[in-house]
Amino acid sequence: MEPLVNINEAAELLGLSSWTVRKLIASHRLSAIRINRRVLLQPEELRRIIEESRATRRPAQLARDRAKDF
């Protein structure tokens, strides 16, 4: 089992602000585990949100991303 990550660590891994991660949790797009006062996330949830965002990219975004690789 992989160790859980806190909101700040998740934000850094996702390249988002901690407030954005909190908004994703509040909107139920990202599930979190609450242990006492700590809010923790499973690494597989972070992978899921990354894959989900890749699947919902628009074609123009994909073209720009590919152009950056060259």
PDB file of N, CA and C in Angstrom:
ATOM      1  N   MET A   1       0.841  -1.181   0.000  1.00  0.00           N
ATOM      2  CA  MET A   1       0.000   0.000   0.000  1.00  0.00           C
ATOM      3  C   MET A   1       0.887   1.245   0.000  1.00  0.00           C
ATOM      4  N   GLU A   2       0.567   2.152  -0.889  1.00  0.00           N
ATOM      5  CA  GLU A   2       1.333   3.398  -0.989  1.00  0.00           C
ATOM      6  C   GLU A   2       0.931   4.352   0.136  1.00  0.00           C
ATOM      7  N   PRO A   3       1.865   5.170   0.588  1.00  0.00           N
ATOM      8  CA  PRO A   3       1.518   6.123   1.640  1.00  0.00           C
ATOM      9  C   PRO A   3       0.551   7.195   1.125  1.00  0.00           C
ATOM     10  N   LEU A   4      -0.312   7.646   2.011  1.00  0.00           N
ATOM     11  CA  LEU A   4      -1.258   8.707   1.677  1.00  0.00           C
ATOM     12  C   LEU A   4      -0.519  10.042   1.607  1.00  0.00           C
ATOM     13  N   VAL A   5      -1.059  10.974   0.840  1.00  0.00           N
ATOM     14  CA  VAL A   5      -0.446  12.298   0.726  1.00  0.00           C
ATOM     15  C   VAL A   5      -1.418  13.355   1.236  1.00  0.00           C
ATOM     16  N   ASN A   6      -0.867  14.423   1.780  1.00  0.00           N
ATOM     17  CA  ASN A   6      -1.739  15.500   2.249  1.00  0.00           C
ATOM     18  C   ASN A   6      -2.062  16.458   1.100  1.00  0.00           C
ATOM     19  N   ILE A   7      -2.873  17.445   1.378  1.00  0.00           N
ATOM     20  CA  ILE A   7      -3.332  18.354   0.326  1.00  0.00           C
ATOM     21  C   ILE A   7      -2.169  19.107  -0.314  1.00  0.00           C
ATOM     22  N   ASN A   8      -1.233  19.592   0.479  1.00  0.00           N
ATOM     23  CA  ASN A   8      -0.099  20.333  -0.082  1.00  0.00           C
ATOM     24  C   ASN A   8       0.760  19.449  -0.976  1.00  0.00           C
ATOM     25  N   GLU A   9       0.998  18.207  -0.553  1.00  0.00           N
ATOM     26  CA  GLU A   9       1.779  17.281  -1.377  1.00  0.00           C
ATOM     27  C   GLU A   9       1.033  16.953  -2.669  1.00  0.00           C
ATOM     28  N   ALA A  10      -0.274  16.738  -2.565  1.00  0.00           N
ATOM     29  CA  ALA A  10      -1.085  16.450  -3.751  1.00  0.00           C
ATOM     30  C   ALA A  10      -1.043  17.623  -4.720  1.00  0.00           C
ATOM     31  N   ALA A  11      -1.150  18.831  -4.193  1.00  0.00           N
ATOM     32  CA  ALA A  11      -1.116  20.026  -5.035  1.00  0.00           C
ATOM     33  C   ALA A  11       0.211  20.114  -5.782  1.00  0.00           C
ATOM     34  N   GLU A  12       1.297  19.847  -5.090  1.00  0.00           N
ATOM     35  CA  GLU A  12       2.619  19.896  -5.728  1.00  0.00           C
ATOM     36  C   GLU A  12       2.746  18.829  -6.815  1.00  0.00           C
ATOM     37  N   LEU A  13       2.276  17.623  -6.525  1.00  0.00           N
ATOM     38  CA  LEU A  13       2.356  16.539  -7.504  1.00  0.00           C
ATOM     39  C   LEU A  13       1.499  16.812  -8.736  1.00  0.00           C
ATOM     40  N   LEU A  14       0.339  17.458  -8.538  1.00  0.00           N
ATOM     41  CA  LEU A  14      -0.573  17.747  -9.638  1.00  0.00           C
ATOM     42  C   LEU A  14      -0.245  19.055 -10.353  1.00  0.00           C
ATOM     43  N   GLY A  15       0.607  19.868  -9.748  1.00  0.00           N
ATOM     44  CA  GLY A  15       0.917  21.170 -10.340  1.00  0.00           C
ATOM     45  C   GLY A  15      -0.222  22.160 -10.169  1.00  0.00           C
ATOM     46  N   LEU A  16      -0.956  22.031  -9.071  1.00  0.00           N
ATOM     47  CA  LEU A  16      -2.089  22.901  -8.769  1.00  0.00           C
ATOM     48  C   LEU A  16      -1.855  23.588  -7.433  1.00  0.00           C
ATOM     49  N   SER A  17      -2.699  24.553  -7.125  1.00  0.00           N
ATOM     50  CA  SER A  17      -2.633  25.169  -5.803  1.00  0.00           C
ATOM     51  C   SER A  17      -3.370  24.283  -4.807  1.00  0.00           C
ATOM     52  N   SER A  18      -3.069  24.451  -3.543  1.00  0.00           N
ATOM     53  CA  SER A  18      -3.772  23.669  -2.516  1.00  0.00           C
ATOM     54  C   SER A  18      -5.255  24.015  -2.495  1.00  0.00           C
ATOM     55  N   TRP A  19      -5.588  25.267  -2.815  1.00  0.00           N
ATOM     56  CA  TRP A  19      -7.006  25.660  -2.869  1.00  0.00           C
ATOM     57  C   TRP A  19      -7.731  24.936  -3.992  1.00  0.00           C
ATOM     58  N   THR A  20      -7.089  24.747  -5.108  1.00  0.00           N
ATOM     59  CA  THR A  20      -7.712  24.018  -6.210  1.00  0.00           C
ATOM     60  C   THR A  20      -7.958  22.567  -5.817  1.00  0.00           C
ATOM     61  N   VAL A  21      -7.002  21.957  -5.131  1.00  0.00           N
ATOM     62  CA  VAL A  21      -7.186  20.583  -4.657  1.00  0.00           C
ATOM     63  C   VAL A  21      -8.364  20.535  -3.688  1.00  0.00           C
ATOM     64  N   ARG A  22      -8.456  21.515  -2.804  1.00  0.00           N
ATOM     65  CA  ARG A  22      -9.590  21.565  -1.870  1.00  0.00           C
ATOM     66  C   ARG A  22     -10.916  21.703  -2.616  1.00  0.00           C
ATOM     67  N   LYS A  23     -10.935  22.510  -3.675  1.00  0.00           N
ATOM     68  CA  LYS A  23     -12.149  22.670  -4.477  1.00  0.00           C
ATOM     69  C   LYS A  23     -12.528  21.360  -5.165  1.00  0.00           C
ATOM     70  N   LEU A  24     -11.534  20.630  -5.662  1.00  0.00           N
ATOM     71  CA  LEU A  24     -11.800  19.336  -6.289  1.00  0.00           C
ATOM     72  C   LEU A  24     -12.396  18.356  -5.280  1.00  0.00           C
ATOM     73  N   ILE A  25     -11.918  18.409  -4.047  1.00  0.00           N
ATOM     74  CA  ILE A  25     -12.460  17.549  -2.994  1.00  0.00           C
ATOM     75  C   ILE A  25     -13.889  17.974  -2.663  1.00  0.00           C
ATOM     76  N   ALA A  26     -14.116  19.272  -2.512  1.00  0.00           N
ATOM     77  CA  ALA A  26     -15.442  19.786  -2.161  1.00  0.00           C
ATOM     78  C   ALA A  26     -16.477  19.476  -3.247  1.00  0.00           C
ATOM     79  N   SER A  27     -16.041  19.470  -4.508  1.00  0.00           N
ATOM     80  CA  SER A  27     -16.965  19.192  -5.611  1.00  0.00           C
ATOM     81  C   SER A  27     -17.089  17.688  -5.889  1.00  0.00           C
ATOM     82  N   HIS A  28     -16.429  16.870  -5.069  1.00  0.00           N
ATOM     83  CA  HIS A  28     -16.468  15.405  -5.173  1.00  0.00           C
ATOM     84  C   HIS A  28     -15.829  14.878  -6.452  1.00  0.00           C
ATOM     85  N   ARG A  29     -14.972  15.669  -7.082  1.00  0.00           N
ATOM     86  CA  ARG A  29     -14.219  15.181  -8.235  1.00  0.00           C
ATOM     87  C   ARG A  29     -12.969  14.431  -7.793  1.00  0.00           C
ATOM     88  N   LEU A  30     -12.591  14.629  -6.542  1.00  0.00           N
ATOM     89  CA  LEU A  30     -11.429  13.977  -5.956  1.00  0.00           C
ATOM     90  C   LEU A  30     -11.858  13.506  -4.574  1.00  0.00           C
ATOM     91  N   SER A  31     -11.687  12.222  -4.298  1.00  0.00           N
ATOM     92  CA  SER A  31     -12.102  11.726  -2.985  1.00  0.00           C
ATOM     93  C   SER A  31     -10.922  11.754  -2.021  1.00  0.00           C
ATOM     94  N   ALA A  32     -11.239  12.086  -0.790  1.00  0.00           N
ATOM     95  CA  ALA A  32     -10.216  12.225   0.246  1.00  0.00           C
ATOM     96  C   ALA A  32     -10.622  11.415   1.467  1.00  0.00           C
ATOM     97  N   ILE A  33      -9.640  11.152   2.291  1.00  0.00           N
ATOM     98  CA  ILE A  33      -9.851  10.428   3.541  1.00  0.00           C
ATOM     99  C   ILE A  33      -9.577  11.404   4.673  1.00  0.00           C
ATOM    100  N   ARG A  34     -10.503  11.490   5.612  1.00  0.00           N
ATOM    101  CA  ARG A  34     -10.305  12.373   6.751  1.00  0.00           C
ATOM    102  C   ARG A  34      -9.954  11.525   7.964  1.00  0.00           C
ATOM    103  N   ILE A  35      -8.801  11.789   8.544  1.00  0.00           N
ATOM    104  CA  ILE A  35      -8.365  11.117   9.761  1.00  0.00           C
ATOM    105  C   ILE A  35      -8.144  12.209  10.796  1.00  0.00           C
ATOM    106  N   ASN A  36      -9.055  12.251  11.759  1.00  0.00           N
ATOM    107  CA  ASN A  36      -9.099  13.341  12.724  1.00  0.00           C
ATOM    108  C   ASN A  36      -9.219  14.653  11.962  1.00  0.00           C
ATOM    109  N   ARG A  37      -8.242  15.524  12.066  1.00  0.00           N
ATOM    110  CA  ARG A  37      -8.301  16.811  11.363  1.00  0.00           C
ATOM    111  C   ARG A  37      -7.516  16.804  10.056  1.00  0.00           C
ATOM    112  N   ARG A  38      -6.870  15.709   9.770  1.00  0.00           N
ATOM    113  CA  ARG A  38      -6.041  15.624   8.564  1.00  0.00           C
ATOM    114  C   ARG A  38      -6.867  15.150   7.382  1.00  0.00           C
ATOM    115  N   VAL A  39      -6.635  15.763   6.234  1.00  0.00           N
ATOM    116  CA  VAL A  39      -7.276  15.354   4.982  1.00  0.00           C
ATOM    117  C   VAL A  39      -6.175  14.756   4.114  1.00  0.00           C
ATOM    118  N   LEU A  40      -6.359  13.482   3.763  1.00  0.00           N
ATOM    119  CA  LEU A  40      -5.336  12.759   3.023  1.00  0.00           C
ATOM    120  C   LEU A  40      -5.927  12.179   1.749  1.00  0.00           C
ATOM    121  N   LEU A  41      -5.070  11.984   0.766  1.00  0.00           N
ATOM    122  CA  LEU A  41      -5.508  11.449  -0.518  1.00  0.00           C
ATOM    123  C   LEU A  41      -4.689  10.222  -0.872  1.00  0.00           C
ATOM    124  N   GLN A  42      -5.334   9.299  -1.558  1.00  0.00           N
ATOM    125  CA  GLN A  42      -4.646   8.104  -2.021  1.00  0.00           C
ATOM    126  C   GLN A  42      -3.954   8.425  -3.351  1.00  0.00           C
ATOM    127  N   PRO A  43      -2.742   7.955  -3.542  1.00  0.00           N
ATOM    128  CA  PRO A  43      -2.028   8.210  -4.798  1.00  0.00           C
ATOM    129  C   PRO A  43      -2.812   7.760  -6.036  1.00  0.00           C
ATOM    130  N   GLU A  44      -3.587   6.669  -5.916  1.00  0.00           N
ATOM    131  CA  GLU A  44      -4.356   6.229  -7.088  1.00  0.00           C
ATOM    132  C   GLU A  44      -5.444   7.235  -7.464  1.00  0.00           C
ATOM    133  N   GLU A  45      -5.922   8.021  -6.496  1.00  0.00           N
ATOM    134  CA  GLU A  45      -6.882   9.099  -6.799  1.00  0.00           C
ATOM    135  C   GLU A  45      -6.212  10.189  -7.619  1.00  0.00           C
ATOM    136  N   LEU A  46      -4.971  10.486  -7.292  1.00  0.00           N
ATOM    137  CA  LEU A  46      -4.230  11.496  -8.049  1.00  0.00           C
ATOM    138  C   LEU A  46      -3.991  11.011  -9.477  1.00  0.00           C
ATOM    139  N   ARG A  47      -3.637   9.735  -9.620  1.00  0.00           N
ATOM    140  CA  ARG A  47      -3.458   9.177 -10.964  1.00  0.00           C
ATOM    141  C   ARG A  47      -4.773   9.219 -11.747  1.00  0.00           C
ATOM    142  N   ARG A  48      -5.878   8.943 -11.076  1.00  0.00           N
ATOM    143  CA  ARG A  48      -7.182   8.962 -11.737  1.00  0.00           C
ATOM    144  C   ARG A  48      -7.523  10.349 -12.249  1.00  0.00           C
ATOM    145  N   ILE A  49      -7.302  11.374 -11.437  1.00  0.00           N
ATOM    146  CA  ILE A  49      -7.643  12.738 -11.853  1.00  0.00           C
ATOM    147  C   ILE A  49      -6.736  13.181 -13.002  1.00  0.00           C
ATOM    148  N   ILE A  50      -5.493  12.719 -13.016  1.00  0.00           N
ATOM    149  CA  ILE A  50      -4.590  13.039 -14.126  1.00  0.00           C
ATOM    150  C   ILE A  50      -5.100  12.389 -15.410  1.00  0.00           C
ATOM    151  N   GLU A  51      -5.448  11.123 -15.346  1.00  0.00           N
ATOM    152  CA  GLU A  51      -5.967  10.426 -16.526  1.00  0.00           C
ATOM    153  C   GLU A  51      -7.278  11.040 -16.997  1.00  0.00           C
ATOM    154  N   GLU A  52      -8.119  11.413 -16.062  1.00  0.00           N
ATOM    155  CA  GLU A  52      -9.391  12.045 -16.394  1.00  0.00           C
ATOM    156  C   GLU A  52      -9.170  13.365 -17.123  1.00  0.00           C
ATOM    157  N   SER A  53      -8.208  14.136 -16.676  1.00  0.00           N
ATOM    158  CA  SER A  53      -7.949  15.422 -17.322  1.00  0.00           C
ATOM    159  C   SER A  53      -7.341  15.217 -18.712  1.00  0.00           C
ATOM    160  N   ARG A  54      -6.554  14.177 -18.887  1.00  0.00           N
ATOM    161  CA  ARG A  54      -5.999  13.875 -20.207  1.00  0.00           C
ATOM    162  C   ARG A  54      -7.112  13.499 -21.175  1.00  0.00           C
ATOM    163  N   ALA A  55      -8.086  12.759 -20.692  1.00  0.00           N
ATOM    164  CA  ALA A  55      -9.182  12.290 -21.547  1.00  0.00           C
ATOM    165  C   ALA A  55     -10.122  13.419 -21.945  1.00  0.00           C
ATOM    166  N   THR A  56     -10.164  14.493 -21.157  1.00  0.00           N
ATOM    167  CA  THR A  56     -11.111  15.567 -21.438  1.00  0.00           C
ATOM    168  C   THR A  56     -10.465  16.756 -22.134  1.00  0.00           C
ATOM    169  N   ARG A  57      -9.207  16.640 -22.530  1.00  0.00           N
ATOM    170  CA  ARG A  57      -8.558  17.738 -23.249  1.00  0.00           C
ATOM    171  C   ARG A  57      -9.195  17.931 -24.605  1.00  0.00           C
ATOM    172  N   ARG A  58      -9.267  19.163 -25.014  1.00  0.00           N
ATOM    173  CA  ARG A  58      -9.799  19.480 -26.338  1.00  0.00           C
ATOM    174  C   ARG A  58      -8.709  19.288 -27.388  1.00  0.00           C
ATOM    175  N   PRO A  59      -9.087  19.036 -28.633  1.00  0.00           N
ATOM    176  CA  PRO A  59      -8.087  18.820 -29.685  1.00  0.00           C
ATOM    177  C   PRO A  59      -7.078  19.965 -29.807  1.00  0.00           C
ATOM    178  N   ALA A  60      -7.513  21.208 -29.637  1.00  0.00           N
ATOM    179  CA  ALA A  60      -6.586  22.338 -29.732  1.00  0.00           C
ATOM    180  C   ALA A  60      -5.533  22.267 -28.633  1.00  0.00           C
ATOM    181  N   GLN A  61      -5.942  21.862 -27.446  1.00  0.00           N
ATOM    182  CA  GLN A  61      -4.989  21.726 -26.353  1.00  0.00           C
ATOM    183  C   GLN A  61      -3.983  20.626 -26.667  1.00  0.00           C
ATOM    184  N   LEU A  62      -4.468  19.523 -27.193  1.00  0.00           N
ATOM    185  CA  LEU A  62      -3.569  18.422 -27.545  1.00  0.00           C
ATOM    186  C   LEU A  62      -2.546  18.856 -28.590  1.00  0.00           C
ATOM    187  N   ALA A  63      -2.984  19.624 -29.585  1.00  0.00           N
ATOM    188  CA  ALA A  63      -2.075  20.106 -30.625  1.00  0.00           C
ATOM    189  C   ALA A  63      -1.008  21.013 -30.036  1.00  0.00           C
ATOM    190  N   ARG A  64      -1.403  21.909 -29.114  1.00  0.00           N
ATOM    191  CA  ARG A  64      -0.421  22.800 -28.473  1.00  0.00           C
ATOM    192  C   ARG A  64       0.572  21.998 -27.647  1.00  0.00           C
ATOM    193  N   ASP A  65       0.071  20.992 -26.918  1.00  0.00           N
ATOM    194  CA  ASP A  65       0.958  20.170 -26.097  1.00  0.00           C
ATOM    195  C   ASP A  65       1.960  19.406 -26.960  1.00  0.00           C
ATOM    196  N   ARG A  66       1.495  18.893 -28.082  1.00  0.00           N
ATOM    197  CA  ARG A  66       2.401  18.156 -28.976  1.00  0.00           C
ATOM    198  C   ARG A  66       3.438  19.099 -29.578  1.00  0.00           C
ATOM    199  N   ALA A  67       3.027  20.320 -29.895  1.00  0.00           N
ATOM    200  CA  ALA A  67       3.949  21.302 -30.499  1.00  0.00           C
ATOM    201  C   ALA A  67       5.065  21.657 -29.524  1.00  0.00           C
ATOM    202  N   LYS A  68       4.775  21.633 -28.220  1.00  0.00           N
ATOM    203  CA  LYS A  68       5.786  21.936 -27.210  1.00  0.00           C
ATOM    204  C   LYS A  68       6.889  20.887 -27.192  1.00  0.00           C
ATOM    205  N   ASP A  69       6.535  19.655 -27.570  1.00  0.00           N
ATOM    206  CA  ASP A  69       7.506  18.552 -27.529  1.00  0.00           C
ATOM    207  C   ASP A  69       8.573  18.686 -28.609  1.00  0.00           C
ATOM    208  N   PHE A  70       8.312  19.489 -29.646  1.00  0.00           N
ATOM    209  CA  PHE A  70       9.265  19.607 -30.750  1.00  0.00           C
ATOM    210  C   PHE A  70      10.220  20.717 -30.548  1.00  0.00           C
TER     211      PHE A  70
END
